[in-house]
PDB file of N, CA and C in Angstrom:
ATOM      1  N   MET A   1     -22.724   5.831  -1.889  1.00  0.00           N
ATOM      2  CA  MET A   1     -21.337   6.179  -1.593  1.00  0.00           C
ATOM      3  C   MET A   1     -20.502   4.910  -1.556  1.00  0.00           C
ATOM      4  N   VAL A   2     -19.263   5.019  -2.002  1.00  0.00           N
ATOM      5  CA  VAL A   2     -18.363   3.878  -2.075  1.00  0.00           C
ATOM      6  C   VAL A   2     -18.108   3.270  -0.686  1.00  0.00           C
ATOM      7  N   ALA A   3     -17.865   4.121   0.286  1.00  0.00           N
ATOM      8  CA  ALA A   3     -17.568   3.633   1.641  1.00  0.00           C
ATOM      9  C   ALA A   3     -18.759   2.849   2.206  1.00  0.00           C
ATOM     10  N   ARG A   4     -19.957   3.306   1.930  1.00  0.00           N
ATOM     11  CA  ARG A   4     -21.137   2.608   2.439  1.00  0.00           C
ATOM     12  C   ARG A   4     -21.265   1.225   1.780  1.00  0.00           C
ATOM     13  N   GLY A   5     -21.052   1.166   0.468  1.00  0.00           N
ATOM     14  CA  GLY A   5     -21.091  -0.124  -0.246  1.00  0.00           C
ATOM     15  C   GLY A   5     -20.001  -1.048   0.246  1.00  0.00           C
ATOM     16  N   PHE A   6     -18.815  -0.527   0.481  1.00  0.00           N
ATOM     17  CA  PHE A   6     -17.724  -1.320   1.008  1.00  0.00           C
ATOM     18  C   PHE A   6     -18.067  -1.855   2.386  1.00  0.00           C
ATOM     19  N   ALA A   7     -18.646  -1.007   3.230  1.00  0.00           N
ATOM     20  CA  ALA A   7     -19.042  -1.423   4.595  1.00  0.00           C
ATOM     21  C   ALA A   7     -20.109  -2.513   4.517  1.00  0.00           C
ATOM     22  N   ASN A   8     -21.069  -2.361   3.626  1.00  0.00           N
ATOM     23  CA  ASN A   8     -22.126  -3.391   3.519  1.00  0.00           C
ATOM     24  C   ASN A   8     -21.555  -4.705   3.016  1.00  0.00           C
ATOM     25  N   ALA A   9     -20.612  -4.655   2.079  1.00  0.00           N
ATOM     26  CA  ALA A   9     -19.963  -5.869   1.595  1.00  0.00           C
ATOM     27  C   ALA A   9     -19.182  -6.559   2.723  1.00  0.00           C
ATOM     28  N   LEU A  10     -18.529  -5.781   3.551  1.00  0.00           N
ATOM     29  CA  LEU A  10     -17.804  -6.362   4.693  1.00  0.00           C
ATOM     30  C   LEU A  10     -18.749  -7.005   5.685  1.00  0.00           C
ATOM     31  N   LEU A  11     -19.909  -6.393   5.908  1.00  0.00           N
ATOM     32  CA  LEU A  11     -20.898  -6.962   6.855  1.00  0.00           C
ATOM     33  C   LEU A  11     -21.434  -8.291   6.326  1.00  0.00           C
ATOM     34  N   VAL A  12     -21.608  -8.390   5.013  1.00  0.00           N
ATOM     35  CA  VAL A  12     -22.053  -9.660   4.435  1.00  0.00           C
ATOM     36  C   VAL A  12     -20.979 -10.725   4.559  1.00  0.00           C
ATOM     37  N   ALA A  13     -19.740 -10.339   4.262  1.00  0.00           N
ATOM     38  CA  ALA A  13     -18.629 -11.288   4.310  1.00  0.00           C
ATOM     39  C   ALA A  13     -18.268 -11.689   5.734  1.00  0.00           C
ATOM     40  N   PHE A  14     -18.364 -10.718   6.640  1.00  0.00           N
ATOM     41  CA  PHE A  14     -17.972 -10.952   8.047  1.00  0.00           C
ATOM     42  C   PHE A  14     -19.125 -10.550   8.943  1.00  0.00           C
ATOM     43  N   PRO A  15     -20.093 -11.431   9.152  1.00  0.00           N
ATOM     44  CA  PRO A  15     -21.293 -11.049   9.927  1.00  0.00           C
ATOM     45  C   PRO A  15     -21.016 -10.722  11.383  1.00  0.00           C
ATOM     46  N   PHE A  16     -19.858 -11.033  11.901  1.00  0.00           N
ATOM     47  CA  PHE A  16     -19.529 -10.740  13.299  1.00  0.00           C
ATOM     48  C   PHE A  16     -19.148  -9.273  13.518  1.00  0.00           C
ATOM     49  N   LEU A  17     -18.953  -8.522  12.425  1.00  0.00           N
ATOM     50  CA  LEU A  17     -18.641  -7.101  12.560  1.00  0.00           C
ATOM     51  C   LEU A  17     -19.851  -6.337  13.068  1.00  0.00           C
ATOM     52  N   PRO A  18     -19.648  -5.251  13.779  1.00  0.00           N
ATOM     53  CA  PRO A  18     -20.779  -4.476  14.316  1.00  0.00           C
ATOM     54  C   PRO A  18     -21.622  -3.862  13.210  1.00  0.00           C
ATOM     55  N   ASP A  19     -22.953  -3.871  13.408  1.00  0.00           N
ATOM     56  CA  ASP A  19     -23.860  -3.325  12.407  1.00  0.00           C
ATOM     57  C   ASP A  19     -23.681  -1.815  12.225  1.00  0.00           C
ATOM     58  N   SER A  20     -23.047  -1.166  13.174  1.00  0.00           N
ATOM     59  CA  SER A  20     -22.839   0.282  13.074  1.00  0.00           C
ATOM     60  C   SER A  20     -21.997   0.653  11.858  1.00  0.00           C
ATOM     61  N   LEU A  21     -21.262  -0.325  11.314  1.00  0.00           N
ATOM     62  CA  LEU A  21     -20.466  -0.021  10.123  1.00  0.00           C
ATOM     63  C   LEU A  21     -21.351   0.379   8.938  1.00  0.00           C
ATOM     64  N   ALA A  22     -22.538  -0.190   8.862  1.00  0.00           N
ATOM     65  CA  ALA A  22     -23.450   0.132   7.764  1.00  0.00           C
ATOM     66  C   ALA A  22     -23.938   1.575   7.865  1.00  0.00           C
ATOM     67  N   THR A  23     -24.092   2.076   9.064  1.00  0.00           N
ATOM     68  CA  THR A  23     -24.587   3.444   9.238  1.00  0.00           C
ATOM     69  C   THR A  23     -23.458   4.458   9.369  1.00  0.00           C
ATOM     70  N   ARG A  24     -22.266   3.993   9.735  1.00  0.00           N
ATOM     71  CA  ARG A  24     -21.104   4.877   9.885  1.00  0.00           C
ATOM     72  C   ARG A  24     -19.908   4.298   9.151  1.00  0.00           C
ATOM     73  N   PRO A  25     -19.951   4.287   7.819  1.00  0.00           N
ATOM     74  CA  PRO A  25     -18.854   3.670   7.052  1.00  0.00           C
ATOM     75  C   PRO A  25     -17.499   4.371   7.229  1.00  0.00           C
ATOM     76  N   GLU A  26     -17.509   5.580   7.782  1.00  0.00           N
ATOM     77  CA  GLU A  26     -16.233   6.272   7.996  1.00  0.00           C
ATOM     78  C   GLU A  26     -15.359   5.488   8.962  1.00  0.00           C
ATOM     79  N   GLN A  27     -15.982   4.683   9.833  1.00  0.00           N
ATOM     80  CA  GLN A  27     -15.200   3.836  10.751  1.00  0.00           C
ATOM     81  C   GLN A  27     -14.351   2.854   9.940  1.00  0.00           C
ATOM     82  N   ILE A  28     -14.948   2.260   8.958  1.00  0.00           N
ATOM     83  CA  ILE A  28     -14.239   1.292   8.107  1.00  0.00           C
ATOM     84  C   ILE A  28     -13.113   1.997   7.338  1.00  0.00           C
ATOM     85  N   MET A  29     -13.398   3.173   6.849  1.00  0.00           N
ATOM     86  CA  MET A  29     -12.385   3.893   6.073  1.00  0.00           C
ATOM     87  C   MET A  29     -11.201   4.320   6.947  1.00  0.00           C
ATOM     88  N   ILE A  30     -11.443   4.589   8.206  1.00  0.00           N
ATOM     89  CA  ILE A  30     -10.333   4.893   9.116  1.00  0.00           C
ATOM     90  C   ILE A  30      -9.462   3.648   9.294  1.00  0.00           C
ATOM     91  N   VAL A  31     -10.089   2.490   9.420  1.00  0.00           N
ATOM     92  CA  VAL A  31      -9.361   1.231   9.509  1.00  0.00           C
ATOM     93  C   VAL A  31      -8.561   1.021   8.215  1.00  0.00           C
ATOM     94  N   VAL A  32      -9.185   1.286   7.064  1.00  0.00           N
ATOM     95  CA  VAL A  32      -8.488   1.147   5.776  1.00  0.00           C
ATOM     96  C   VAL A  32      -7.261   2.071   5.724  1.00  0.00           C
ATOM     97  N   GLY A  33      -7.443   3.310   6.187  1.00  0.00           N
ATOM     98  CA  GLY A  33      -6.328   4.258   6.206  1.00  0.00           C
ATOM     99  C   GLY A  33      -5.185   3.779   7.089  1.00  0.00           C
ATOM    100  N   PHE A  34      -5.505   3.282   8.284  1.00  0.00           N
ATOM    101  CA  PHE A  34      -4.467   2.764   9.174  1.00  0.00           C
ATOM    102  C   PHE A  34      -3.811   1.514   8.586  1.00  0.00           C
ATOM    103  N   ALA A  35      -4.579   0.678   7.898  1.00  0.00           N
ATOM    104  CA  ALA A  35      -4.008  -0.507   7.271  1.00  0.00           C
ATOM    105  C   ALA A  35      -3.020  -0.097   6.177  1.00  0.00           C
ATOM    106  N   GLY A  36      -3.386   0.886   5.395  1.00  0.00           N
ATOM    107  CA  GLY A  36      -2.506   1.383   4.352  1.00  0.00           C
ATOM    108  C   GLY A  36      -1.220   1.945   4.952  1.00  0.00           C
ATOM    109  N   GLN A  37      -1.371   2.678   6.047  1.00  0.00           N
ATOM    110  CA  GLN A  37      -0.191   3.258   6.706  1.00  0.00           C
ATOM    111  C   GLN A  37       0.685   2.161   7.281  1.00  0.00           C
ATOM    112  N   GLY A  38       0.044   1.086   7.789  1.00  0.00           N
ATOM    113  CA  GLY A  38       0.808  -0.050   8.308  1.00  0.00           C
ATOM    114  C   GLY A  38       1.608  -0.751   7.218  1.00  0.00           C
ATOM    115  N   LEU A  39       0.954  -0.972   6.066  1.00  0.00           N
ATOM    116  CA  LEU A  39       1.672  -1.582   4.929  1.00  0.00           C
ATOM    117  C   LEU A  39       2.835  -0.684   4.480  1.00  0.00           C
ATOM    118  N   PHE A  40       2.574   0.598   4.437  1.00  0.00           N
ATOM    119  CA  PHE A  40       3.618   1.524   3.992  1.00  0.00           C
ATOM    120  C   PHE A  40       4.781   1.528   4.974  1.00  0.00           C
ATOM    121  N   ALA A  41       4.499   1.465   6.272  1.00  0.00           N
ATOM    122  CA  ALA A  41       5.570   1.431   7.294  1.00  0.00           C
ATOM    123  C   ALA A  41       6.370   0.143   7.230  1.00  0.00           C
ATOM    124  N   MET A  42       5.755  -0.953   6.796  1.00  0.00           N
ATOM    125  CA  MET A  42       6.442  -2.237   6.698  1.00  0.00           C
ATOM    126  C   MET A  42       7.638  -2.169   5.776  1.00  0.00           C
ATOM    127  N   ARG A  43       7.587  -1.305   4.772  1.00  0.00           N
ATOM    128  CA  ARG A  43       8.688  -1.196   3.840  1.00  0.00           C
ATOM    129  C   ARG A  43       9.992  -0.789   4.560  1.00  0.00           C
ATOM    130  N   PHE A  44       9.857   0.060   5.564  1.00  0.00           N
ATOM    131  CA  PHE A  44      11.049   0.490   6.305  1.00  0.00           C
ATOM    132  C   PHE A  44      11.575  -0.629   7.199  1.00  0.00           C
ATOM    133  N   ILE A  45      10.664  -1.377   7.790  1.00  0.00           N
ATOM    134  CA  ILE A  45      11.063  -2.512   8.613  1.00  0.00           C
ATOM    135  C   ILE A  45      11.786  -3.547   7.794  1.00  0.00           C
ATOM    136  N   VAL A  46      11.230  -3.873   6.620  1.00  0.00           N
ATOM    137  CA  VAL A  46      11.859  -4.844   5.722  1.00  0.00           C
ATOM    138  C   VAL A  46      13.245  -4.361   5.297  1.00  0.00           C
ATOM    139  N   GLN A  47      13.345  -3.097   4.934  1.00  0.00           N
ATOM    140  CA  GLN A  47      14.629  -2.547   4.516  1.00  0.00           C
ATOM    141  C   GLN A  47      15.635  -2.567   5.651  1.00  0.00           C
ATOM    142  N   TRP A  48      15.216  -2.204   6.825  1.00  0.00           N
ATOM    143  CA  TRP A  48      16.089  -2.189   7.999  1.00  0.00           C
ATOM    144  C   TRP A  48      16.614  -3.573   8.324  1.00  0.00           C
ATOM    145  N   LEU A  49      15.709  -4.541   8.396  1.00  0.00           N
ATOM    146  CA  LEU A  49      16.111  -5.925   8.717  1.00  0.00           C
ATOM    147  C   LEU A  49      17.040  -6.501   7.673  1.00  0.00           C
ATOM    148  N   THR A  50      16.755  -6.251   6.411  1.00  0.00           N
ATOM    149  CA  THR A  50      17.608  -6.768   5.330  1.00  0.00           C
ATOM    150  C   THR A  50      19.003  -6.112   5.399  1.00  0.00           C
ATOM    151  N   SER A  51      19.058  -4.810   5.619  1.00  0.00           N
ATOM    152  CA  SER A  51      20.319  -4.108   5.723  1.00  0.00           C
ATOM    153  C   SER A  51      21.123  -4.608   6.903  1.00  0.00           C
ATOM    154  N   GLU A  52      20.474  -4.806   8.044  1.00  0.00           N
ATOM    155  CA  GLU A  52      21.176  -5.334   9.231  1.00  0.00           C
ATOM    156  C   GLU A  52      21.732  -6.710   8.946  1.00  0.00           C
ATOM    157  N   GLY A  53      20.951  -7.540   8.279  1.00  0.00           N
ATOM    158  CA  GLY A  53      21.383  -8.899   7.969  1.00  0.00           C
ATOM    159  C   GLY A  53      22.577  -8.945   7.035  1.00  0.00           C
ATOM    160  N   GLN A  54      22.641  -7.981   6.103  1.00  0.00           N
ATOM    161  CA  GLN A  54      23.742  -7.980   5.143  1.00  0.00           C
ATOM    162  C   GLN A  54      24.898  -7.055   5.554  1.00  0.00           C
ATOM    163  N   GLY A  55      24.696  -6.291   6.611  1.00  0.00           N
ATOM    164  CA  GLY A  55      25.749  -5.414   7.101  1.00  0.00           C
ATOM    165  C   GLY A  55      26.022  -4.217   6.215  1.00  0.00           C
ATOM    166  N   ARG A  56      25.095  -3.897   5.363  1.00  0.00           N
ATOM    167  CA  ARG A  56      25.213  -2.715   4.476  1.00  0.00           C
ATOM    168  C   ARG A  56      23.827  -2.251   4.106  1.00  0.00           C
ATOM    169  N   SER A  57      23.730  -1.037   3.584  1.00  0.00           N
ATOM    170  CA  SER A  57      22.421  -0.511   3.201  1.00  0.00           C
ATOM    171  C   SER A  57      21.940  -1.190   1.931  1.00  0.00           C
ATOM    172  N   VAL A  58      20.746  -1.792   2.021  1.00  0.00           N
ATOM    173  CA  VAL A  58      20.173  -2.533   0.910  1.00  0.00           C
ATOM    174  C   VAL A  58      18.693  -2.186   0.798  1.00  0.00           C
ATOM    175  N   ILE A  59      18.196  -2.069  -0.443  1.00  0.00           N
ATOM    176  CA  ILE A  59      16.754  -1.907  -0.637  1.00  0.00           C
ATOM    177  C   ILE A  59      16.257  -3.193  -1.337  1.00  0.00           C
ATOM    178  N   PRO A  60      15.641  -4.081  -0.563  1.00  0.00           N
ATOM    179  CA  PRO A  60      15.160  -5.356  -1.156  1.00  0.00           C
ATOM    180  C   PRO A  60      13.925  -5.099  -2.020  1.00  0.00           C
ATOM    181  N   ILE A  61      13.635  -6.035  -2.903  1.00  0.00           N
ATOM    182  CA  ILE A  61      12.486  -5.912  -3.790  1.00  0.00           C
ATOM    183  C   ILE A  61      11.172  -5.834  -2.992  1.00  0.00           C
ATOM    184  N   ALA A  62      11.137  -6.492  -1.829  1.00  0.00           N
ATOM    185  CA  ALA A  62       9.924  -6.442  -0.980  1.00  0.00           C
ATOM    186  C   ALA A  62       9.607  -4.999  -0.575  1.00  0.00           C
ATOM    187  N   PHE A  63      10.618  -4.168  -0.463  1.00  0.00           N
ATOM    188  CA  PHE A  63      10.437  -2.751  -0.141  1.00  0.00           C
ATOM    189  C   PHE A  63       9.495  -2.120  -1.151  1.00  0.00           C
ATOM    190  N   TRP A  64       9.700  -2.392  -2.423  1.00  0.00           N
ATOM    191  CA  TRP A  64       8.897  -1.797  -3.486  1.00  0.00           C
ATOM    192  C   TRP A  64       7.474  -2.353  -3.495  1.00  0.00           C
ATOM    193  N   TYR A  65       7.324  -3.657  -3.169  1.00  0.00           N
ATOM    194  CA  TYR A  65       5.980  -4.230  -3.117  1.00  0.00           C
ATOM    195  C   TYR A  65       5.190  -3.663  -1.953  1.00  0.00           C
ATOM    196  N   PHE A  66       5.828  -3.506  -0.800  1.00  0.00           N
ATOM    197  CA  PHE A  66       5.126  -2.863   0.347  1.00  0.00           C
ATOM    198  C   PHE A  66       4.814  -1.404   0.005  1.00  0.00           C
ATOM    199  N   SER A  67       5.686  -0.729  -0.710  1.00  0.00           N
ATOM    200  CA  SER A  67       5.435   0.644  -1.115  1.00  0.00           C
ATOM    201  C   SER A  67       4.213   0.728  -2.007  1.00  0.00           C
ATOM    202  N   ILE A  68       4.092  -0.185  -2.950  1.00  0.00           N
ATOM    203  CA  ILE A  68       2.935  -0.183  -3.859  1.00  0.00           C
ATOM    204  C   ILE A  68       1.666  -0.534  -3.098  1.00  0.00           C
ATOM    205  N   GLY A  69       1.699  -1.581  -2.274  1.00  0.00           N
ATOM    206  CA  GLY A  69       0.514  -1.959  -1.512  1.00  0.00           C
ATOM    207  C   GLY A  69       0.039  -0.854  -0.586  1.00  0.00           C
ATOM    208  N   GLY A  70       0.954  -0.323   0.223  1.00  0.00           N
ATOM    209  CA  GLY A  70       0.582   0.762   1.128  1.00  0.00           C
ATOM    210  C   GLY A  70       0.176   2.005   0.423  1.00  0.00           C
ATOM    211  N   GLY A  71       0.891   2.344  -0.641  1.00  0.00           N
ATOM    212  CA  GLY A  71       0.556   3.552  -1.427  1.00  0.00           C
ATOM    213  C   GLY A  71      -0.798   3.459  -2.083  1.00  0.00           C
ATOM    214  N   ALA A  72      -1.138   2.271  -2.595  1.00  0.00           N
ATOM    215  CA  ALA A  72      -2.464   2.096  -3.251  1.00  0.00           C
ATOM    216  C   ALA A  72      -3.590   2.223  -2.246  1.00  0.00           C
ATOM    217  N   VAL A  73      -3.419   1.606  -1.079  1.00  0.00           N
ATOM    218  CA  VAL A  73      -4.485   1.685  -0.034  1.00  0.00           C
ATOM    219  C   VAL A  73      -4.588   3.119   0.459  1.00  0.00           C
ATOM    220  N   LEU A  74      -3.452   3.782   0.670  1.00  0.00           N
ATOM    221  CA  LEU A  74      -3.522   5.187   1.111  1.00  0.00           C
ATOM    222  C   LEU A  74      -4.121   6.079   0.029  1.00  0.00           C
ATOM    223  N   LEU A  75      -3.882   5.768  -1.235  1.00  0.00           N
ATOM    224  CA  LEU A  75      -4.502   6.525  -2.309  1.00  0.00           C
ATOM    225  C   LEU A  75      -6.010   6.359  -2.291  1.00  0.00           C
ATOM    226  N   LEU A  76      -6.499   5.164  -2.093  1.00  0.00           N
ATOM    227  CA  LEU A  76      -7.958   4.963  -1.960  1.00  0.00           C
ATOM    228  C   LEU A  76      -8.513   5.761  -0.792  1.00  0.00           C
ATOM    229  N   TYR A  77      -7.812   5.734   0.332  1.00  0.00           N
ATOM    230  CA  TYR A  77      -8.235   6.513   1.499  1.00  0.00           C
ATOM    231  C   TYR A  77      -8.261   7.999   1.199  1.00  0.00           C
ATOM    232  N   ALA A  78      -7.243   8.500   0.503  1.00  0.00           N
ATOM    233  CA  ALA A  78      -7.177   9.919   0.159  1.00  0.00           C
ATOM    234  C   ALA A  78      -8.287  10.321  -0.799  1.00  0.00           C
ATOM    235  N   ILE A  79      -8.608   9.430  -1.746  1.00  0.00           N
ATOM    236  CA  ILE A  79      -9.716   9.717  -2.663  1.00  0.00           C
ATOM    237  C   ILE A  79     -11.005   9.781  -1.888  1.00  0.00           C
ATOM    238  N   TRP A  80     -11.216   8.866  -0.945  1.00  0.00           N
ATOM    239  CA  TRP A  80     -12.418   8.908  -0.126  1.00  0.00           C
ATOM    240  C   TRP A  80     -12.487  10.224   0.666  1.00  0.00           C
ATOM    241  N   ARG A  81     -11.347  10.650   1.184  1.00  0.00           N
ATOM    242  CA  ARG A  81     -11.330  11.902   1.959  1.00  0.00           C
ATOM    243  C   ARG A  81     -11.353  13.134   1.073  1.00  0.00           C
ATOM    244  N   GLN A  82     -11.153  12.915  -0.232  1.00  0.00           N
ATOM    245  CA  GLN A  82     -11.082  14.015  -1.197  1.00  0.00           C
ATOM    246  C   GLN A  82      -9.946  14.997  -0.833  1.00  0.00           C
ATOM    247  N   ASP A  83      -8.789  14.427  -0.535  1.00  0.00           N
ATOM    248  CA  ASP A  83      -7.634  15.220  -0.124  1.00  0.00           C
ATOM    249  C   ASP A  83      -6.631  15.300  -1.281  1.00  0.00           C
ATOM    250  N   PRO A  84      -6.609  16.441  -2.003  1.00  0.00           N
ATOM    251  CA  PRO A  84      -5.745  16.523  -3.182  1.00  0.00           C
ATOM    252  C   PRO A  84      -4.259  16.414  -2.894  1.00  0.00           C
ATOM    253  N   VAL A  85      -3.837  16.831  -1.707  1.00  0.00           N
ATOM    254  CA  VAL A  85      -2.415  16.749  -1.360  1.00  0.00           C
ATOM    255  C   VAL A  85      -1.967  15.295  -1.272  1.00  0.00           C
ATOM    256  N   ILE A  86      -2.716  14.479  -0.528  1.00  0.00           N
ATOM    257  CA  ILE A  86      -2.369  13.057  -0.390  1.00  0.00           C
ATOM    258  C   ILE A  86      -2.569  12.334  -1.728  1.00  0.00           C
ATOM    259  N   ILE A  87      -3.608  12.682  -2.464  1.00  0.00           N
ATOM    260  CA  ILE A  87      -3.833  12.052  -3.777  1.00  0.00           C
ATOM    261  C   ILE A  87      -2.634  12.267  -4.696  1.00  0.00           C
ATOM    262  N   CYS A  88      -2.173  13.497  -4.792  1.00  0.00           N
ATOM    263  CA  CYS A  88      -1.023  13.789  -5.654  1.00  0.00           C
ATOM    264  C   CYS A  88       0.230  13.069  -5.147  1.00  0.00           C
ATOM    265  N   GLY A  89       0.479  13.115  -3.861  1.00  0.00           N
ATOM    266  CA  GLY A  89       1.672  12.486  -3.311  1.00  0.00           C
ATOM    267  C   GLY A  89       1.687  10.979  -3.509  1.00  0.00           C
ATOM    268  N   GLN A  90       0.594  10.334  -3.192  1.00  0.00           N
ATOM    269  CA  GLN A  90       0.534   8.866  -3.343  1.00  0.00           C
ATOM    270  C   GLN A  90       0.467   8.454  -4.808  1.00  0.00           C
ATOM    271  N   GLY A  91      -0.218   9.246  -5.632  1.00  0.00           N
ATOM    272  CA  GLY A  91      -0.289   8.908  -7.057  1.00  0.00           C
ATOM    273  C   GLY A  91       1.081   8.977  -7.695  1.00  0.00           C
ATOM    274  N   LEU A  92       1.841  10.021  -7.424  1.00  0.00           N
ATOM    275  CA  LEU A  92       3.190  10.138  -7.948  1.00  0.00           C
ATOM    276  C   LEU A  92       4.087   9.025  -7.366  1.00  0.00           C
ATOM    277  N   GLY A  93       3.935   8.764  -6.071  1.00  0.00           N
ATOM    278  CA  GLY A  93       4.723   7.706  -5.422  1.00  0.00           C
ATOM    279  C   GLY A  93       4.495   6.357  -6.084  1.00  0.00           C
ATOM    280  N   LEU A  94       3.245   6.035  -6.383  1.00  0.00           N
ATOM    281  CA  LEU A  94       2.940   4.742  -7.011  1.00  0.00           C
ATOM    282  C   LEU A  94       3.634   4.640  -8.381  1.00  0.00           C
ATOM    283  N   PHE A  95       3.649   5.700  -9.126  1.00  0.00           N
ATOM    284  CA  PHE A  95       4.363   5.697 -10.409  1.00  0.00           C
ATOM    285  C   PHE A  95       5.858   5.400 -10.182  1.00  0.00           C
ATOM    286  N   ILE A  96       6.466   6.053  -9.192  1.00  0.00           N
ATOM    287  CA  ILE A  96       7.899   5.837  -8.921  1.00  0.00           C
ATOM    288  C   ILE A  96       8.174   4.426  -8.486  1.00  0.00           C
ATOM    289  N   TYR A  97       7.310   3.850  -7.612  1.00  0.00           N
ATOM    290  CA  TYR A  97       7.533   2.473  -7.120  1.00  0.00           C
ATOM    291  C   TYR A  97       7.411   1.476  -8.271  1.00  0.00           C
ATOM    292  N   LEU A  98       6.416   1.662  -9.116  1.00  0.00           N
ATOM    293  CA  LEU A  98       6.234   0.792 -10.268  1.00  0.00           C
ATOM    294  C   LEU A  98       7.402   0.920 -11.239  1.00  0.00           C
ATOM    295  N   ARG A  99       7.882   2.112 -11.429  1.00  0.00           N
ATOM    296  CA  ARG A  99       9.017   2.346 -12.307  1.00  0.00           C
ATOM    297  C   ARG A  99      10.280   1.648 -11.757  1.00  0.00           C
ATOM    298  N   ASN A 100      10.475   1.697 -10.461  1.00  0.00           N
ATOM    299  CA  ASN A 100      11.621   0.998  -9.886  1.00  0.00           C
ATOM    300  C   ASN A 100      11.529  -0.502 -10.083  1.00  0.00           C
ATOM    301  N   LEU A 101      10.334  -1.062  -9.896  1.00  0.00           N
ATOM    302  CA  LEU A 101      10.184  -2.508 -10.163  1.00  0.00           C
ATOM    303  C   LEU A 101      10.460  -2.831 -11.625  1.00  0.00           C
ATOM    304  N   PHE A 102      10.006  -1.979 -12.533  1.00  0.00           N
ATOM    305  CA  PHE A 102      10.280  -2.176 -13.956  1.00  0.00           C
ATOM    306  C   PHE A 102      11.794  -2.171 -14.213  1.00  0.00           C
ATOM    307  N   LEU A 103      12.495  -1.212 -13.625  1.00  0.00           N
ATOM    308  CA  LEU A 103      13.936  -1.104 -13.842  1.00  0.00           C
ATOM    309  C   LEU A 103      14.668  -2.318 -13.264  1.00  0.00           C
ATOM    310  N   ILE A 104      14.221  -2.800 -12.123  1.00  0.00           N
ATOM    311  CA  ILE A 104      14.812  -4.005 -11.518  1.00  0.00           C
ATOM    312  C   ILE A 104      14.620  -5.206 -12.449  1.00  0.00           C
ATOM    313  N   LYS A 105      13.388  -5.360 -12.930  1.00  0.00           N
ATOM    314  CA  LYS A 105      13.066  -6.493 -13.821  1.00  0.00           C
ATOM    315  C   LYS A 105      13.896  -6.411 -15.107  1.00  0.00           C
ATOM    316  N   ARG A 106      13.988  -5.223 -15.660  1.00  0.00           N
ATOM    317  CA  ARG A 106      14.759  -5.043 -16.892  1.00  0.00           C
ATOM    318  C   ARG A 106      16.247  -5.342 -16.652  1.00  0.00           C
ATOM    319  N   SER A 107      16.760  -4.915 -15.519  1.00  0.00           N
ATOM    320  CA  SER A 107      18.164  -5.174 -15.194  1.00  0.00           C
ATOM    321  C   SER A 107      18.439  -6.647 -15.032  1.00  0.00           C
ATOM    322  N   ARG A 108      17.513  -7.335 -14.356  1.00  0.00           N
ATOM    323  CA  ARG A 108      17.685  -8.780 -14.159  1.00  0.00           C
ATOM    324  C   ARG A 108      17.570  -9.534 -15.495  1.00  0.00           C
ATOM    325  N   SER A 109      16.678  -9.076 -16.363  1.00  0.00           N
ATOM    326  CA  SER A 109      16.509  -9.714 -17.678  1.00  0.00           C
ATOM    327  C   SER A 109      17.763  -9.565 -18.513  1.00  0.00           C
ATOM    328  N   SER A 110      18.350  -8.373 -18.503  1.00  0.00           N
ATOM    329  CA  SER A 110      19.568  -8.157 -19.299  1.00  0.00           C
ATOM    330  C   SER A 110      20.755  -8.893 -18.718  1.00  0.00           C
ATOM    331  N   GLN A 111      20.805  -9.048 -17.388  1.00  0.00           N
ATOM    332  CA  GLN A 111      21.894  -9.806 -16.764  1.00  0.00           C
ATOM    333  C   GLN A 111      21.782 -11.293 -17.101  1.00  0.00           C
ATOM    334  N   SER A 112      20.561 -11.838 -17.071  1.00  0.00           N
ATOM    335  CA  SER A 112      20.407 -13.252 -17.389  1.00  0.00           C
ATOM    336  C   SER A 112      20.625 -13.526 -18.869  1.00  0.00           C
ATOM    337  N   ALA A 113      20.324 -12.560 -19.719  1.00  0.00           N
ATOM    338  CA  ALA A 113      20.526 -12.745 -21.160  1.00  0.00           C
ATOM    339  C   ALA A 113      22.016 -12.705 -21.507  1.00  0.00           C
ATOM    340  N   SER A 114      22.801 -11.972 -20.734  1.00  0.00           N
ATOM    341  CA  SER A 114      24.238 -11.882 -21.038  1.00  0.00           C
ATOM    342  C   SER A 114      25.037 -13.043 -20.450  1.00  0.00           C
ATOM    343  N   GLU A 115      24.419 -13.834 -19.618  1.00  0.00           N
ATOM    344  CA  GLU A 115      25.124 -14.985 -19.003  1.00  0.00           C
ATOM    345  C   GLU A 115      25.107 -16.196 -19.873  1.00  0.00           C
TER     346      GLU A 115
END
């Protein structure tokens, strides 16, 4: 199982982790799920702080990077849980976040070319 292999790799890399991870890899996957949720939540904090700083509603590029990072980790967690609802939601979300980054890059490229 993927979770067991991941847990074993973590135990090799970080020997101070409890050996119970090898026998109960679901513990590691719960940590992975919370980490993904934390990354995903950071996008709102980044957006809020940037908007407060500029005095208007702004979506900074870091918002999209946190969306991709958190969404990818949550997608891995959903695949491990075999949860089709979360898999569909995060999979579609990742497409949208990547598309937004592409549109931002294309807009910046066309702006710099016209200058």
